[in-house]
Amino acid sequence: MSEKRNIARAAGILGSATMLSRIMGMVRDMVVSRLFGAGLATDAFFAAFQIPNMLRRFFAEGALTSAFVPTFSTVLTQRGEEDARELANVCFTLLTIIMAVIALFGIIFSPWVVGLMFPGFKAVPGKFELTVLLNRVMFPYIFFISLVALCMGILNTLRHFFTPAISTVFLNLAMILSALLLRGYFEVPITALAAGVLIGGILQLLLQLPVLWKKGFFIRPRFDFNNPELRRITVLMLPATFGVGVYYLNITVSAILASLLPQGSVSYLYYAQRMFEFPQGIFTVSVAQAVLPSMSKQAAEGDLDGMKESLAFGLRLTLFITIPAMVGLIICATPIMSLIFMGGAFDFREVANSAQALVFYAIGLSFVAMTRVLAPAFYALKDTKTPVWTAFVAFILNLAFSLVLMKPLLHGGLALATTLSALGNMLLLLWLLRRKIGSYGGTGIAVCGIKAVCASLPMGLIVFYACRMTEWSRTGYKIDKALVLGVAVMTGICVYALFSRLLRSQEAVALSSLITKKLGRKET
């Protein structure tokens, strides 16, 4: 099977599993918005959750995966499974020790961390104290999810993608059930949601281990910390922490600055991010996770041309998927927020404020997606310095734009700053990677992007007029709203697919061929 087919197949598996997870995440956010709205309690919870979640994105899913997968892939390819098992055991043992210490320190120093990150909360009676309490309950989550990320790296390298992608369903399920069933047992009801995060982290880890055992990787303690590959992973991780995680660092900066804005701003950004991360999680992360093992394998074999081909295909596939998703999110921002969140403690004012942030985030969907594919290409080549420098520039851009835009646009300005920062990061990575490895199909990537834009224009027009078939400011009418939005989205997908085929988009043909083969039919 060619690497292109491997990437497309892996992205399809990841996308399907992640879609289920994201749907459950959407249900979770609906439950949270209905029960707790957008105010003091939700601001405190989302801020507290931001801290271990930031560490997860930086360290676990970002730096650890980017550093571990290329090294593990090299060992597996060149030295065999026995040495790969040895490396997995050593990494698991050391990671367990390090993350246990970090979790303990996080619990002890929560007041200092919360005070540093969310200074505006101290001005509201009880808000700071509640945030500290929730952060202490949730902080051990980083211990479990870091081990999950290591398991995910092993399984993805072994070309098993489904279990890691589906595991977040259990996090969402734990949070939903905890909020619904346990909130009456706590003095502050939203504490039940924090307990659900911890329970979900444990369930995610328990799901990975049997699959690893089935693959022949029986995780056991191994204290050989002088292992040279372990040192190589550590060296790669230090810069990768910042390089891969800059987007999430910018999101965290936005939350910190939002704590200085009117109450509810942290929640508006959170709900908008959740909707923004729906297509990003299904498609962007899926493509990035699918292409990294292929690039790492080809780099380990010295096949630079093959790596360029995989990278170019990953970038084209990313643009083909994210450009129409970006257009759809911009047009459907208010309908999405109204359908999913409006009701209970969440009224149309909250809908409008969250939709504003979603529009500004959505503009940057393709920029973030491209960065997620480009940065791991450097790590596959064992270059950890370049993504760090581009990430630092992006961080400075985000901070500068945030300080300029937050006054006139409030929380919307913070979302727009994140998008502009992602654009700067993407452009730098594109330019520097070309200087490093030469041409990697830039013309084909640009043509794919242009075709995707052309196919998205009629799609966007149809979706816009379809969404005007109901009034989104009305409370209730969920069936009406769901039907209208569902028809708009499905019609938009069909129109985009039709125009993509008319424009002879290679990515449309590749995906169509893959789906047809899956269904057991021959391509006509």
Protein backbone atom coordinates (compact mmCIF):
# COMPACT_ATOMS: atom_id res chain seq x y z
CA MET A 1 0.00 0.00 0.00
CA SER A 2 1.43 3.43 -0.99
CA GLU A 3 2.11 6.06 1.66
CA LYS A 4 -0.58 8.30 0.13
CA ARG A 5 -3.13 5.53 0.62
CA ASN A 6 -1.77 4.88 4.12
CA ILE A 7 -2.19 8.54 5.00
CA ALA A 8 -5.70 8.78 3.52
CA ARG A 9 -6.78 5.54 5.18
CA ALA A 10 -5.35 6.55 8.57
CA ALA A 11 -6.91 10.01 8.30
CA GLY A 12 -10.25 8.38 7.51
CA ILE A 13 -10.07 6.10 10.54
CA LEU A 14 -8.96 8.93 12.80
CA GLY A 15 -11.59 11.26 11.39
CA SER A 16 -14.42 8.76 11.92
CA ALA A 17 -13.39 7.97 15.48
CA THR A 18 -12.75 11.61 16.29
CA MET A 19 -16.12 12.63 14.84
CA LEU A 20 -17.85 10.39 17.37
CA SER A 21 -15.69 11.86 20.11
CA ARG A 22 -16.46 15.42 18.99
CA ILE A 23 -20.18 14.71 18.87
CA MET A 24 -19.95 13.50 22.46
CA GLY A 25 -17.95 16.64 23.27
CA MET A 26 -20.73 18.72 21.76
CA VAL A 27 -23.28 16.90 23.90
CA ARG A 28 -21.06 17.55 26.91
CA ASP A 29 -20.90 21.28 26.16
CA MET A 30 -24.67 21.39 25.68
CA VAL A 31 -25.11 19.84 29.11
CA VAL A 32 -22.63 22.29 30.67
CA SER A 33 -24.24 25.34 29.03
CA ARG A 34 -27.73 24.25 30.06
CA LEU A 35 -26.78 23.46 33.65
CA PHE A 36 -24.27 26.23 34.34
CA GLY A 37 -24.66 28.87 31.58
CA ALA A 38 -21.87 31.43 31.07
CA GLY A 39 -20.90 33.21 34.25
CA LEU A 40 -18.84 32.94 37.42
CA ALA A 41 -18.95 29.15 37.81
CA THR A 42 -18.25 28.34 34.16
CA ASP A 43 -15.51 31.00 33.94
CA ALA A 44 -13.89 29.37 36.98
CA PHE A 45 -14.21 25.85 35.56
CA PHE A 46 -12.95 26.67 32.06
CA ALA A 47 -10.05 28.66 33.49
CA ALA A 48 -9.13 25.85 35.89
CA PHE A 49 -9.42 23.24 33.14
CA GLN A 50 -7.25 25.43 30.91
CA ILE A 51 -4.18 24.79 33.11
CA PRO A 52 -3.91 20.96 32.93
CA ASN A 53 -5.33 21.11 29.40
CA MET A 54 -2.56 23.51 28.37
CA LEU A 55 0.04 21.12 29.76
CA ARG A 56 -1.66 18.25 27.91
CA ARG A 57 -1.53 20.11 24.60
CA PHE A 58 2.03 21.38 25.10
CA PHE A 59 3.62 18.36 26.64
CA ALA A 60 1.57 15.25 26.01
CA GLU A 61 -0.11 15.60 22.62
CA GLY A 62 2.37 18.16 21.32
CA ALA A 63 6.00 17.76 22.34
CA LEU A 64 5.87 14.14 23.51
CA THR A 65 4.20 12.85 20.36
CA SER A 66 6.40 14.92 18.02
CA ALA A 67 9.61 13.80 19.76
CA PHE A 68 8.68 10.19 20.52
CA VAL A 69 7.13 9.06 17.21
CA PRO A 70 10.16 9.80 14.92
CA THR A 71 12.61 8.21 17.40
CA PHE A 72 10.41 5.20 18.12
CA SER A 73 9.78 4.75 14.39
CA THR A 74 13.52 4.79 13.68
CA VAL A 75 14.20 2.15 16.35
CA LEU A 76 11.32 -0.03 15.14
CA THR A 77 12.38 0.27 11.48
CA GLN A 78 16.12 -0.18 11.90
CA ARG A 79 16.50 -2.38 15.01
CA GLY A 80 13.27 -4.31 15.40
CA GLU A 81 10.44 -4.81 17.90
CA GLU A 82 12.55 -5.97 20.84
CA ASP A 83 14.48 -2.69 21.06
CA ALA A 84 11.27 -0.78 20.40
CA ARG A 85 9.62 -2.51 23.38
CA GLU A 86 12.62 -1.64 25.54
CA LEU A 87 12.36 2.03 24.56
CA ALA A 88 8.59 2.07 25.20
CA ASN A 89 9.06 0.62 28.71
CA VAL A 90 11.82 3.07 29.62
CA CYS A 91 9.78 6.04 28.38
CA PHE A 92 6.65 4.88 30.19
CA THR A 93 8.56 4.44 33.46
CA LEU A 94 10.27 7.83 33.35
CA LEU A 95 7.09 9.60 32.24
CA THR A 96 5.15 8.06 35.12
CA ILE A 97 7.67 9.44 37.64
CA ILE A 98 7.88 12.91 36.08
CA MET A 99 4.14 13.39 35.66
CA ALA A 100 3.41 12.19 39.21
CA VAL A 101 5.74 14.90 40.53
CA ILE A 102 4.21 17.55 38.24
CA ALA A 103 0.68 16.59 39.33
CA LEU A 104 1.65 16.84 43.00
CA PHE A 105 3.28 20.23 42.54
CA GLY A 106 0.28 21.43 40.56
CA ILE A 107 -2.08 20.57 43.41
CA ILE A 108 0.13 22.21 46.05
CA PHE A 109 0.82 25.41 44.13
CA SER A 110 -2.63 25.87 42.56
CA PRO A 111 -3.30 29.24 44.30
CA TRP A 112 -0.06 30.68 42.94
CA VAL A 113 -0.63 29.30 39.41
CA VAL A 114 -4.26 30.50 39.22
CA GLY A 115 -3.32 33.90 40.61
CA LEU A 116 -0.58 34.28 38.02
CA MET A 117 -2.67 33.13 35.05
CA PHE A 118 -6.03 34.72 35.89
CA PRO A 119 -5.34 37.89 37.90
CA GLY A 120 -8.74 39.39 37.08
CA PHE A 121 -10.55 36.68 39.06
CA LYS A 122 -9.42 38.10 42.42
CA ALA A 123 -11.64 41.13 41.85
CA VAL A 124 -14.80 38.97 41.92
CA PRO A 125 -15.68 37.52 45.37
CA GLY A 126 -15.40 33.72 45.42
CA LYS A 127 -14.26 33.36 41.80
CA PHE A 128 -10.55 32.94 42.55
CA GLU A 129 -11.17 30.45 45.36
CA LEU A 130 -13.52 28.35 43.22
CA THR A 131 -10.98 28.27 40.38
CA VAL A 132 -8.27 27.03 42.77
CA LEU A 133 -10.55 24.29 44.10
CA LEU A 134 -11.49 23.07 40.62
CA ASN A 135 -7.89 23.19 39.42
CA ARG A 136 -6.76 21.01 42.36
CA VAL A 137 -9.44 18.44 41.58
CA MET A 138 -8.51 18.30 37.88
CA PHE A 139 -4.73 18.66 37.95
CA PRO A 140 -3.98 14.90 38.23
CA TYR A 141 -5.63 14.58 34.80
CA ILE A 142 -2.29 15.60 33.26
CA PHE A 143 -0.67 12.48 34.78
CA PHE A 144 -3.09 10.08 33.09
CA ILE A 145 -3.40 11.91 29.76
CA SER A 146 0.40 12.09 29.35
CA LEU A 147 0.61 8.31 29.62
CA VAL A 148 -2.29 8.10 27.15
CA ALA A 149 -0.30 10.27 24.72
CA LEU A 150 2.69 7.93 24.95
CA CYS A 151 0.45 4.94 24.26
CA MET A 152 -1.06 6.85 21.35
CA GLY A 153 2.40 7.45 19.88
CA ILE A 154 3.24 3.74 20.06
CA LEU A 155 -0.08 2.63 18.55
CA ASN A 156 0.01 5.23 15.76
CA THR A 157 3.53 4.12 14.79
CA LEU A 158 2.21 0.56 14.66
CA ARG A 159 -0.52 1.93 12.34
CA HIS A 160 -3.32 1.47 14.88
CA PHE A 161 -5.26 4.74 15.01
CA PHE A 162 -8.79 3.91 16.14
CA THR A 163 -8.36 3.35 19.89
CA PRO A 164 -6.39 6.55 20.64
CA ALA A 165 -8.87 8.61 18.62
CA ILE A 166 -11.96 7.06 20.25
CA SER A 167 -10.64 7.32 23.81
CA THR A 168 -11.80 10.92 24.33
CA VAL A 169 -15.37 9.64 24.07
CA PHE A 170 -14.84 8.25 27.55
CA LEU A 171 -13.64 11.62 28.86
CA ASN A 172 -16.75 13.31 27.50
CA LEU A 173 -19.01 10.55 28.80
CA ALA A 174 -17.47 10.77 32.27
CA MET A 175 -17.96 14.55 32.36
CA ILE A 176 -21.58 14.32 31.15
CA LEU A 177 -22.57 11.65 33.67
CA SER A 178 -20.74 13.39 36.51
CA ALA A 179 -22.46 16.72 35.77
CA LEU A 180 -25.90 15.11 35.55
CA LEU A 181 -25.65 12.59 38.39
CA LEU A 182 -23.13 13.95 40.90
CA ARG A 183 -23.70 17.71 41.02
CA GLY A 184 -26.16 17.33 43.89
CA TYR A 185 -23.46 15.72 46.06
CA PHE A 186 -21.17 18.77 46.01
CA GLU A 187 -21.58 22.05 47.84
CA VAL A 188 -20.60 23.80 44.58
CA PRO A 189 -22.36 21.78 41.82
CA ILE A 190 -19.80 22.47 39.08
CA THR A 191 -17.21 20.55 41.14
CA ALA A 192 -18.87 17.39 39.80
CA LEU A 193 -17.73 18.39 36.32
CA ALA A 194 -14.13 18.65 37.55
CA ALA A 195 -14.41 15.17 39.08
CA GLY A 196 -15.63 13.91 35.72
CA VAL A 197 -12.43 15.17 34.05
CA LEU A 198 -10.31 13.11 36.44
CA ILE A 199 -12.45 9.99 36.00
CA GLY A 200 -12.29 10.43 32.23
CA GLY A 201 -8.48 10.58 32.26
CA ILE A 202 -8.31 7.28 34.13
CA LEU A 203 -10.74 5.61 31.70
CA GLN A 204 -8.74 6.83 28.69
CA LEU A 205 -5.56 5.18 30.00
CA LEU A 206 -7.31 1.93 30.85
CA LEU A 207 -8.61 1.74 27.29
CA GLN A 208 -5.11 1.93 25.72
CA LEU A 209 -3.28 -0.73 27.72
CA PRO A 210 -5.13 -3.89 26.51
CA VAL A 211 -4.60 -2.81 22.87
CA LEU A 212 -0.89 -2.34 23.51
CA TRP A 213 -0.70 -5.80 25.07
CA LYS A 214 -2.49 -7.27 22.05
CA LYS A 215 0.16 -5.63 19.83
CA GLY A 216 2.91 -7.30 21.86
CA PHE A 217 3.88 -4.29 23.97
CA PHE A 218 3.47 -5.40 27.59
CA ILE A 219 4.25 -2.23 29.52
CA ARG A 220 6.41 -2.91 32.58
CA PRO A 221 8.81 -0.83 34.73
CA ARG A 222 12.23 -0.30 33.18
CA PHE A 223 14.75 2.07 34.83
CA ASP A 224 17.44 2.20 32.15
CA PHE A 225 17.48 6.00 32.00
CA ASN A 226 20.84 6.02 30.20
CA ASN A 227 19.15 4.70 27.06
CA PRO A 228 20.52 6.84 24.17
CA GLU A 229 17.15 7.01 22.41
CA LEU A 230 15.58 8.31 25.63
CA ARG A 231 18.14 11.11 25.71
CA ARG A 232 17.38 11.87 22.05
CA ILE A 233 13.65 12.11 22.80
CA THR A 234 14.36 14.43 25.74
CA VAL A 235 16.50 16.69 23.56
CA LEU A 236 13.78 16.80 20.90
CA MET A 237 11.03 17.46 23.44
CA LEU A 238 12.44 20.59 25.00
CA PRO A 239 12.06 22.80 21.92
CA ALA A 240 9.07 20.84 20.61
CA THR A 241 7.11 21.82 23.71
CA PHE A 242 7.06 25.38 22.48
CA GLY A 243 7.16 24.70 18.74
CA VAL A 244 4.09 22.46 18.52
CA GLY A 245 2.18 24.03 21.40
CA VAL A 246 2.35 27.71 20.45
CA TYR A 247 -1.25 27.76 19.19
CA TYR A 248 -2.45 26.42 22.53
CA LEU A 249 -0.17 28.83 24.37
CA ASN A 250 -1.88 31.62 22.46
CA ILE A 251 -5.28 30.24 23.47
CA THR A 252 -4.09 30.29 27.08
CA VAL A 253 -2.89 33.89 26.73
CA SER A 254 -6.35 34.74 25.38
CA ALA A 255 -7.98 33.17 28.45
CA ILE A 256 -5.65 35.12 30.76
CA LEU A 257 -6.45 38.43 29.06
CA ALA A 258 -10.16 37.52 28.91
CA SER A 259 -10.15 37.32 32.71
CA LEU A 260 -9.61 41.11 32.62
CA LEU A 261 -12.66 41.64 30.37
CA PRO A 262 -16.38 41.61 31.35
CA GLN A 263 -17.61 38.49 33.12
CA GLY A 264 -18.45 35.67 30.74
CA SER A 265 -15.61 36.45 28.31
CA VAL A 266 -13.64 33.34 29.28
CA SER A 267 -16.73 31.23 28.67
CA TYR A 268 -17.50 32.86 25.31
CA LEU A 269 -14.00 32.04 24.09
CA TYR A 270 -14.27 28.49 25.43
CA TYR A 271 -17.56 27.72 23.69
CA ALA A 272 -16.23 29.23 20.44
CA GLN A 273 -13.01 27.21 20.70
CA ARG A 274 -15.01 24.03 21.19
CA MET A 275 -16.92 24.60 17.96
CA PHE A 276 -13.72 25.64 16.18
CA GLU A 277 -11.98 22.49 17.38
CA PHE A 278 -14.76 20.27 16.02
CA PRO A 279 -13.55 20.33 12.39
CA GLN A 280 -9.98 20.80 13.55
CA GLY A 281 -10.11 17.69 15.70
CA ILE A 282 -11.87 15.56 13.10
CA PHE A 283 -9.84 16.58 10.07
CA THR A 284 -6.74 18.60 10.97
CA VAL A 285 -5.45 16.50 13.83
CA SER A 286 -6.41 13.33 11.94
CA VAL A 287 -4.32 14.30 8.89
CA ALA A 288 -1.41 15.48 11.07
CA GLN A 289 -1.38 12.26 13.10
CA ALA A 290 -1.72 10.16 9.95
CA VAL A 291 1.11 11.85 8.04
CA LEU A 292 3.67 11.96 10.90
CA PRO A 293 4.37 8.17 11.03
CA SER A 294 4.77 8.11 7.23
CA MET A 295 7.17 11.06 7.20
CA SER A 296 9.11 9.65 10.16
CA LYS A 297 9.47 6.26 8.48
CA GLN A 298 10.60 7.81 5.19
CA ALA A 299 13.06 10.12 6.97
CA ALA A 300 14.48 7.14 8.88
CA GLU A 301 14.97 5.29 5.56
CA GLY A 302 16.59 8.33 3.93
CA ASP A 303 13.74 8.65 1.42
CA LEU A 304 13.57 12.45 1.21
CA ASP A 305 11.57 12.44 -2.05
CA GLY A 306 9.00 10.12 -0.52
CA MET A 307 8.78 12.34 2.56
CA LYS A 308 8.20 15.41 0.38
CA GLU A 309 5.43 13.57 -1.45
CA SER A 310 3.75 12.57 1.83
CA LEU A 311 4.06 16.12 3.17
CA ALA A 312 2.62 17.66 0.00
CA PHE A 313 -0.28 15.21 0.00
CA GLY A 314 -0.97 15.95 3.67
CA LEU A 315 -0.99 19.70 3.02
CA ARG A 316 -3.26 19.38 -0.03
CA LEU A 317 -5.66 17.13 1.87
CA THR A 318 -5.66 19.64 4.73
CA LEU A 319 -6.58 22.56 2.46
CA PHE A 320 -9.20 20.53 0.61
CA ILE A 321 -10.98 19.79 3.89
CA THR A 322 -10.44 22.93 5.98
CA ILE A 323 -11.25 25.68 3.45
CA PRO A 324 -14.94 24.65 3.07
CA ALA A 325 -15.08 23.98 6.82
CA MET A 326 -13.82 27.53 7.42
CA VAL A 327 -16.48 29.02 5.13
CA GLY A 328 -19.18 26.89 6.75
CA LEU A 329 -18.17 27.89 10.28
CA ILE A 330 -18.18 31.60 9.42
CA ILE A 331 -21.64 31.46 7.85
CA CYS A 332 -23.15 29.11 10.42
CA ALA A 333 -21.59 30.58 13.58
CA THR A 334 -24.82 31.96 15.01
CA PRO A 335 -27.00 29.01 13.90
CA ILE A 336 -24.54 26.54 15.46
CA MET A 337 -24.40 28.39 18.78
CA SER A 338 -28.17 28.86 18.84
CA LEU A 339 -28.92 25.20 18.11
CA ILE A 340 -26.36 23.65 20.43
CA PHE A 341 -26.17 26.00 23.40
CA MET A 342 -29.20 28.29 23.54
CA GLY A 343 -31.59 27.43 26.35
CA GLY A 344 -31.63 27.25 30.12
CA ALA A 345 -28.99 29.62 31.52
CA PHE A 346 -27.65 30.37 28.02
CA ASP A 347 -29.64 33.10 26.21
CA PHE A 348 -29.24 34.79 22.80
CA ARG A 349 -26.82 37.38 24.18
CA GLU A 350 -24.44 34.55 25.03
CA VAL A 351 -25.10 33.04 21.58
CA ALA A 352 -24.16 36.28 19.81
CA ASN A 353 -21.03 36.82 21.89
CA SER A 354 -19.83 33.25 21.39
CA ALA A 355 -20.63 33.38 17.66
CA GLN A 356 -18.54 36.53 17.27
CA ALA A 357 -15.50 34.73 18.69
CA LEU A 358 -16.20 31.66 16.52
CA VAL A 359 -16.16 33.75 13.32
CA PHE A 360 -12.75 35.19 14.15
CA TYR A 361 -11.37 31.76 15.10
CA ALA A 362 -12.81 30.16 11.95
CA ILE A 363 -10.90 32.52 9.66
CA GLY A 364 -7.70 30.85 10.88
CA LEU A 365 -8.78 27.22 10.52
CA SER A 366 -6.59 26.48 7.50
CA PHE A 367 -3.64 28.37 9.01
CA VAL A 368 -3.73 26.27 12.18
CA ALA A 369 -4.25 23.11 10.16
CA MET A 370 -1.26 23.74 7.90
CA THR A 371 0.94 24.47 10.92
CA ARG A 372 -0.08 21.18 12.51
CA VAL A 373 1.22 19.33 9.43
CA LEU A 374 4.29 21.50 8.77
CA ALA A 375 5.85 21.55 12.25
CA PRO A 376 6.13 17.73 12.58
CA ALA A 377 7.95 17.67 9.22
CA PHE A 378 10.84 19.47 10.89
CA TYR A 379 10.83 17.02 13.81
CA ALA A 380 10.81 14.07 11.40
CA LEU A 381 14.05 15.59 10.03
CA LYS A 382 15.39 15.95 13.61
CA ASP A 383 15.26 19.76 13.32
CA THR A 384 13.89 21.12 16.58
CA LYS A 385 15.19 24.68 16.38
CA THR A 386 13.27 26.08 13.41
CA PRO A 387 9.72 25.48 14.73
CA VAL A 388 10.75 27.05 18.04
CA TRP A 389 11.82 30.28 16.38
CA THR A 390 8.67 30.49 14.26
CA ALA A 391 6.56 29.69 17.31
CA PHE A 392 8.26 32.43 19.30
CA VAL A 393 7.51 34.95 16.53
CA ALA A 394 3.89 33.74 16.47
CA PHE A 395 3.62 34.11 20.24
CA ILE A 396 4.88 37.70 20.11
CA LEU A 397 2.47 38.45 17.26
CA ASN A 398 -0.45 37.03 19.24
CA LEU A 399 0.41 39.01 22.35
CA ALA A 400 0.82 42.25 20.39
CA PHE A 401 -2.41 41.79 18.40
CA SER A 402 -4.30 40.78 21.56
CA LEU A 403 -3.30 43.92 23.43
CA VAL A 404 -4.26 46.08 20.44
CA LEU A 405 -7.56 44.35 19.55
CA MET A 406 -9.01 43.40 22.95
CA LYS A 407 -10.07 46.97 23.71
CA PRO A 408 -12.16 47.66 20.57
CA LEU A 409 -13.36 44.07 19.95
CA LEU A 410 -13.23 42.65 23.52
CA HIS A 411 -13.13 38.82 23.47
CA GLY A 412 -13.56 38.86 19.66
CA GLY A 413 -10.27 40.74 19.38
CA LEU A 414 -8.52 37.97 21.32
CA ALA A 415 -9.87 35.36 18.90
CA LEU A 416 -8.79 37.43 15.89
CA ALA A 417 -5.31 37.85 17.38
CA THR A 418 -4.98 34.07 17.61
CA THR A 419 -5.88 33.76 13.92
CA LEU A 420 -3.37 36.42 12.81
CA SER A 421 -0.67 34.72 14.87
CA ALA A 422 -1.44 31.36 13.24
CA LEU A 423 -1.13 32.98 9.81
CA GLY A 424 2.32 34.33 10.65
CA ASN A 425 3.46 30.95 11.99
CA MET A 426 2.22 29.10 8.89
CA LEU A 427 3.93 31.47 6.43
CA LEU A 428 7.24 31.24 8.24
CA LEU A 429 7.12 27.43 8.36
CA LEU A 430 6.28 27.19 4.65
CA TRP A 431 9.18 29.45 3.69
CA LEU A 432 11.76 27.89 6.01
CA LEU A 433 10.86 24.32 5.09
CA ARG A 434 11.30 25.12 1.41
CA ARG A 435 14.74 26.54 2.16
CA LYS A 436 15.60 23.38 4.08
CA ILE A 437 14.46 20.61 1.72
CA GLY A 438 13.78 22.43 -1.54
CA SER A 439 10.52 22.36 -3.45
CA TYR A 440 7.85 20.03 -2.08
CA GLY A 441 5.03 20.59 -4.52
CA GLY A 442 4.16 24.21 -3.77
CA THR A 443 2.40 24.72 -7.10
CA GLY A 444 0.19 21.68 -6.54
CA ILE A 445 -0.62 22.84 -3.01
CA ALA A 446 -1.53 26.34 -4.26
CA VAL A 447 -3.71 24.91 -7.05
CA CYS A 448 -5.50 22.69 -4.54
CA GLY A 449 -6.17 25.72 -2.33
CA ILE A 450 -7.52 27.78 -5.23
CA LYS A 451 -9.81 24.95 -6.34
CA ALA A 452 -11.06 24.54 -2.77
CA VAL A 453 -11.86 28.26 -2.56
CA CYS A 454 -13.67 28.18 -5.92
CA ALA A 455 -15.74 25.16 -4.85
CA SER A 456 -16.47 26.75 -1.47
CA LEU A 457 -17.99 29.96 -2.92
CA PRO A 458 -21.18 28.40 -4.36
CA MET A 459 -21.34 26.15 -1.31
CA GLY A 460 -21.21 29.19 0.99
CA LEU A 461 -23.92 31.01 -0.97
CA ILE A 462 -26.29 28.03 -0.75
CA VAL A 463 -25.62 27.55 2.98
CA PHE A 464 -26.14 31.28 3.69
CA TYR A 465 -29.60 31.34 2.12
CA ALA A 466 -30.55 27.98 3.62
CA CYS A 467 -29.77 29.25 7.12
CA ARG A 468 -32.21 32.16 6.64
CA MET A 469 -35.13 29.74 6.66
CA THR A 470 -35.58 30.10 10.44
CA GLU A 471 -35.08 32.69 13.18
CA TRP A 472 -32.09 31.75 15.33
CA SER A 473 -32.80 34.20 18.17
CA ARG A 474 -35.91 32.27 19.24
CA THR A 475 -35.63 30.10 22.33
CA GLY A 476 -36.60 26.47 21.71
CA TYR A 477 -37.64 25.26 18.23
CA LYS A 478 -34.75 22.80 18.37
CA ILE A 479 -36.22 20.44 15.78
CA ASP A 480 -36.84 23.35 13.40
CA LYS A 481 -33.30 24.63 13.87
CA ALA A 482 -31.73 21.19 13.58
CA LEU A 483 -33.58 20.48 10.33
CA VAL A 484 -32.60 23.81 8.78
CA LEU A 485 -28.95 23.57 9.82
CA GLY A 486 -28.80 19.89 8.86
CA VAL A 487 -30.22 20.59 5.39
CA ALA A 488 -27.86 23.55 4.97
CA VAL A 489 -24.79 21.51 5.92
CA MET A 490 -25.67 18.44 3.86
CA THR A 491 -26.55 20.57 0.83
CA GLY A 492 -23.30 22.48 1.28
CA ILE A 493 -21.29 19.24 1.37
CA CYS A 494 -22.97 17.97 -1.80
CA VAL A 495 -22.41 21.27 -3.62
CA TYR A 496 -18.75 21.35 -2.55
CA ALA A 497 -18.22 17.74 -3.62
CA LEU A 498 -19.90 18.39 -6.99
CA PHE A 499 -17.84 21.50 -7.78
CA SER A 500 -14.65 19.78 -6.58
CA ARG A 501 -15.24 16.96 -9.04
CA LEU A 502 -16.06 19.44 -11.82
CA LEU A 503 -12.79 21.23 -11.05
CA ARG A 504 -11.04 17.83 -11.13
CA SER A 505 -9.63 18.15 -7.63
CA GLN A 506 -7.18 15.25 -7.09
CA GLU A 507 -8.03 15.13 -3.39
CA ALA A 508 -11.75 14.70 -4.16
CA VAL A 509 -10.91 11.82 -6.48
CA ALA A 510 -8.58 10.21 -3.90
CA LEU A 511 -11.15 10.42 -1.11
CA SER A 512 -13.94 9.20 -3.39
CA SER A 513 -11.79 6.24 -4.45
CA LEU A 514 -11.01 5.39 -0.83
CA ILE A 515 -14.68 5.54 0.21
CA THR A 516 -15.73 3.48 -2.82
CA LYS A 517 -13.16 0.82 -2.01
CA LYS A 518 -14.34 0.75 1.59
CA LEU A 519 -17.88 0.15 0.44
CA GLY A 520 -16.68 -2.71 -1.73
CA ARG A 521 -17.54 -1.11 -5.06
CA LYS A 522 -15.31 -0.51 -8.05
CA GLU A 523 -14.54 3.07 -9.09
CA THR A 524 -16.40 3.94 -12.28
